[in-house]
Amino acid sequence: MSHFDANSTNATSLKGKLISLEETVSQVADEVNINKKEVTSVTTEKNSLQELLKLRIHEVRNNLFTELGKLDDELNRHYKHQKAENAKLAQLLAQLKQEKINLNNTINSKFQITL
């Protein structure tokens, strides 16, 4: 084998390795691009979901505050109604006590007259 043949085989082998390496680099570059697209897609989806969650949280918070306001109004209305009922019952109780005193006085005066 001559020096020229060895160099020729070496060059062919080196050229084949270089072509193989270029193909590998090309495949890795394609995979990186695919992965970049997937990352972009997942990031976009994540951002969309975060925005949707923010909107839902805001909506739920507003609904809860609205309900809380309604419940507070209803509670105040019931409290005022109960307070009015209590005052009414207190007045009736005072009237009954006065009627009892009047009846006791009437009964006592009648017993004193008959005795």
C-alpha atoms as a PDB file:
ATOM      1  CA  MET A   1       0.000   0.000   0.000  1.00  0.00           C
ATOM      2  CA  SER A   2       1.402   3.328  -0.968  1.00  0.00           C
ATOM      3  CA  HIS A   3       1.386   6.491   0.992  1.00  0.00           C
ATOM      4  CA  PHE A   4      -1.145   7.934  -1.443  1.00  0.00           C
ATOM      5  CA  ASP A   5      -3.554   5.002  -0.909  1.00  0.00           C
ATOM      6  CA  ALA A   6      -3.352   5.382   2.865  1.00  0.00           C
ATOM      7  CA  ASN A   7      -4.070   9.073   2.626  1.00  0.00           C
ATOM      8  CA  SER A   8      -6.944   8.416   0.254  1.00  0.00           C
ATOM      9  CA  THR A   9      -8.498   5.857   2.598  1.00  0.00           C
ATOM     10  CA  ASN A  10      -7.931   8.166   5.502  1.00  0.00           C
ATOM     11  CA  ALA A  11      -9.537  11.070   3.643  1.00  0.00           C
ATOM     12  CA  THR A  12     -12.523   8.953   2.660  1.00  0.00           C
ATOM     13  CA  SER A  13     -12.906   7.708   6.199  1.00  0.00           C
ATOM     14  CA  LEU A  14     -12.562  11.228   7.565  1.00  0.00           C
ATOM     15  CA  LYS A  15     -15.055  12.542   5.012  1.00  0.00           C
ATOM     16  CA  GLY A  16     -17.516   9.768   5.976  1.00  0.00           C
ATOM     17  CA  LYS A  17     -17.101  10.573   9.651  1.00  0.00           C
ATOM     18  CA  LEU A  18     -17.640  14.262   8.907  1.00  0.00           C
ATOM     19  CA  ILE A  19     -20.822  13.515   6.941  1.00  0.00           C
ATOM     20  CA  SER A  20     -22.049  11.254   9.735  1.00  0.00           C
ATOM     21  CA  LEU A  21     -21.241  13.943  12.287  1.00  0.00           C
ATOM     22  CA  GLU A  22     -23.110  16.558  10.208  1.00  0.00           C
ATOM     23  CA  GLU A  23     -26.144  14.257  10.052  1.00  0.00           C
ATOM     24  CA  THR A  24     -26.023  13.765  13.816  1.00  0.00           C
ATOM     25  CA  VAL A  25     -25.742  17.533  14.358  1.00  0.00           C
ATOM     26  CA  SER A  26     -28.667  18.071  11.988  1.00  0.00           C
ATOM     27  CA  GLN A  27     -30.782  15.492  13.858  1.00  0.00           C
ATOM     28  CA  VAL A  28     -29.892  17.041  17.229  1.00  0.00           C
ATOM     29  CA  ALA A  29     -30.729  20.504  15.844  1.00  0.00           C
ATOM     30  CA  ASP A  30     -34.102  19.191  14.615  1.00  0.00           C
ATOM     31  CA  GLU A  31     -34.813  17.662  18.033  1.00  0.00           C
ATOM     32  CA  VAL A  32     -33.812  20.919  19.752  1.00  0.00           C
ATOM     33  CA  ASN A  33     -36.169  22.865  17.470  1.00  0.00           C
ATOM     34  CA  ILE A  34     -38.984  20.408  18.192  1.00  0.00           C
ATOM     35  CA  ASN A  35     -38.302  20.721  21.921  1.00  0.00           C
ATOM     36  CA  LYS A  36     -38.212  24.530  21.655  1.00  0.00           C
ATOM     37  CA  LYS A  37     -41.616  24.457  19.958  1.00  0.00           C
ATOM     38  CA  GLU A  38     -42.982  22.163  22.672  1.00  0.00           C
ATOM     39  CA  VAL A  39     -41.593  24.444  25.389  1.00  0.00           C
ATOM     40  CA  THR A  40     -43.153  27.459  23.673  1.00  0.00           C
ATOM     41  CA  SER A  41     -46.462  25.645  23.368  1.00  0.00           C
ATOM     42  CA  VAL A  42     -46.416  24.513  26.996  1.00  0.00           C
ATOM     43  CA  THR A  43     -45.426  28.013  28.151  1.00  0.00           C
ATOM     44  CA  THR A  44     -48.262  29.541  26.140  1.00  0.00           C
ATOM     45  CA  GLU A  45     -50.712  27.011  27.568  1.00  0.00           C
ATOM     46  CA  LYS A  46     -49.412  27.679  31.099  1.00  0.00           C
ATOM     47  CA  ASN A  47     -49.834  31.439  30.630  1.00  0.00           C
ATOM     48  CA  SER A  48     -53.342  30.964  29.250  1.00  0.00           C
ATOM     49  CA  LEU A  49     -54.288  28.765  32.188  1.00  0.00           C
ATOM     50  CA  GLN A  50     -52.826  31.269  34.648  1.00  0.00           C
ATOM     51  CA  GLU A  51     -54.871  34.067  33.090  1.00  0.00           C
ATOM     52  CA  LEU A  52     -57.983  31.901  33.165  1.00  0.00           C
ATOM     53  CA  LEU A  53     -57.354  31.061  36.812  1.00  0.00           C
ATOM     54  CA  LYS A  54     -56.852  34.746  37.641  1.00  0.00           C
ATOM     55  CA  LEU A  55     -60.182  35.551  35.985  1.00  0.00           C
ATOM     56  CA  ARG A  56     -61.927  32.699  37.818  1.00  0.00           C
ATOM     57  CA  ILE A  57     -60.399  33.739  41.153  1.00  0.00           C
ATOM     58  CA  HIS A  58     -61.512  37.323  40.562  1.00  0.00           C
ATOM     59  CA  GLU A  59     -64.995  36.119  39.604  1.00  0.00           C
ATOM     60  CA  VAL A  60     -65.280  33.833  42.645  1.00  0.00           C
ATOM     61  CA  ARG A  61     -63.968  36.581  44.951  1.00  0.00           C
ATOM     62  CA  ASN A  62     -66.519  39.046  43.587  1.00  0.00           C
ATOM     63  CA  ASN A  63     -69.320  36.494  43.949  1.00  0.00           C
ATOM     64  CA  LEU A  64     -68.274  35.733  47.521  1.00  0.00           C
ATOM     65  CA  PHE A  65     -68.181  39.427  48.426  1.00  0.00           C
ATOM     66  CA  THR A  66     -71.594  39.911  46.815  1.00  0.00           C
ATOM     67  CA  GLU A  67     -72.997  36.960  48.778  1.00  0.00           C
ATOM     68  CA  LEU A  68     -71.334  38.215  51.939  1.00  0.00           C
ATOM     69  CA  GLY A  69     -72.986  41.598  51.450  1.00  0.00           C
ATOM     70  CA  LYS A  70     -76.375  39.954  50.902  1.00  0.00           C
ATOM     71  CA  LEU A  71     -75.937  37.787  53.993  1.00  0.00           C
ATOM     72  CA  ASP A  72     -74.874  40.798  56.046  1.00  0.00           C
ATOM     73  CA  ASP A  73     -77.949  42.730  54.887  1.00  0.00           C
ATOM     74  CA  GLU A  74     -80.195  39.773  55.677  1.00  0.00           C
ATOM     75  CA  LEU A  75     -78.591  39.323  59.084  1.00  0.00           C
ATOM     76  CA  ASN A  76     -79.100  43.021  59.875  1.00  0.00           C
ATOM     77  CA  ARG A  77     -82.711  42.810  58.723  1.00  0.00           C
ATOM     78  CA  HIS A  78     -83.351  39.791  60.952  1.00  0.00           C
ATOM     79  CA  TYR A  79     -81.571  41.492  63.855  1.00  0.00           C
ATOM     80  CA  LYS A  80     -83.727  44.612  63.526  1.00  0.00           C
ATOM     81  CA  HIS A  81     -86.861  42.468  63.248  1.00  0.00           C
ATOM     82  CA  GLN A  82     -85.888  40.483  66.341  1.00  0.00           C
ATOM     83  CA  LYS A  83     -85.071  43.673  68.232  1.00  0.00           C
ATOM     84  CA  ALA A  84     -88.522  45.059  67.333  1.00  0.00           C
ATOM     85  CA  GLU A  85     -90.157  41.784  68.431  1.00  0.00           C
ATOM     86  CA  ASN A  86     -88.248  41.898  71.706  1.00  0.00           C
ATOM     87  CA  ALA A  87     -89.371  45.480  72.335  1.00  0.00           C
ATOM     88  CA  LYS A  88     -92.974  44.514  71.513  1.00  0.00           C
ATOM     89  CA  LEU A  89     -92.815  41.515  73.879  1.00  0.00           C
ATOM     90  CA  ALA A  90     -91.239  43.661  76.595  1.00  0.00           C
ATOM     91  CA  GLN A  91     -94.094  46.155  76.239  1.00  0.00           C
ATOM     92  CA  LEU A  92     -96.686  43.346  76.389  1.00  0.00           C
ATOM     93  CA  LEU A  93     -94.940  41.896  79.438  1.00  0.00           C
ATOM     94  CA  ALA A  94     -94.991  45.310  81.137  1.00  0.00           C
ATOM     95  CA  GLN A  95     -98.703  45.622  80.328  1.00  0.00           C
ATOM     96  CA  LEU A  96     -99.384  42.132  81.719  1.00  0.00           C
ATOM     97  CA  LYS A  97     -97.465  42.974  84.882  1.00  0.00           C
ATOM     98  CA  GLN A  98     -99.503  46.154  85.283  1.00  0.00           C
ATOM     99  CA  GLU A  99    -102.724  44.233  84.686  1.00  0.00           C
ATOM    100  CA  LYS A 100    -101.647  41.706  87.301  1.00  0.00           C
ATOM    101  CA  ILE A 101    -100.950  44.496  89.788  1.00  0.00           C
ATOM    102  CA  ASN A 102    -104.331  46.070  88.986  1.00  0.00           C
ATOM    103  CA  LEU A 103    -106.105  42.713  89.390  1.00  0.00           C
ATOM    104  CA  ASN A 104    -104.292  42.066  92.660  1.00  0.00           C
ATOM    105  CA  ASN A 105    -105.281  45.502  93.890  1.00  0.00           C
ATOM    106  CA  THR A 106    -108.886  44.950  92.791  1.00  0.00           C
ATOM    107  CA  ILE A 107    -109.002  41.544  94.455  1.00  0.00           C
ATOM    108  CA  ASN A 108    -107.377  42.879  97.619  1.00  0.00           C
ATOM    109  CA  SER A 109    -109.772  45.811  97.779  1.00  0.00           C
ATOM    110  CA  LYS A 110    -112.798  43.519  97.293  1.00  0.00           C
ATOM    111  CA  PHE A 111    -111.581  41.190 100.023  1.00  0.00           C
ATOM    112  CA  GLN A 112    -111.073  44.107 102.363  1.00  0.00           C
ATOM    113  CA  ILE A 113    -114.597  45.372 101.693  1.00  0.00           C
ATOM    114  CA  THR A 114    -116.160  42.004 102.309  1.00  0.00           C
ATOM    115  CA  LEU A 115    -114.221  41.366 105.458  1.00  0.00           C
END
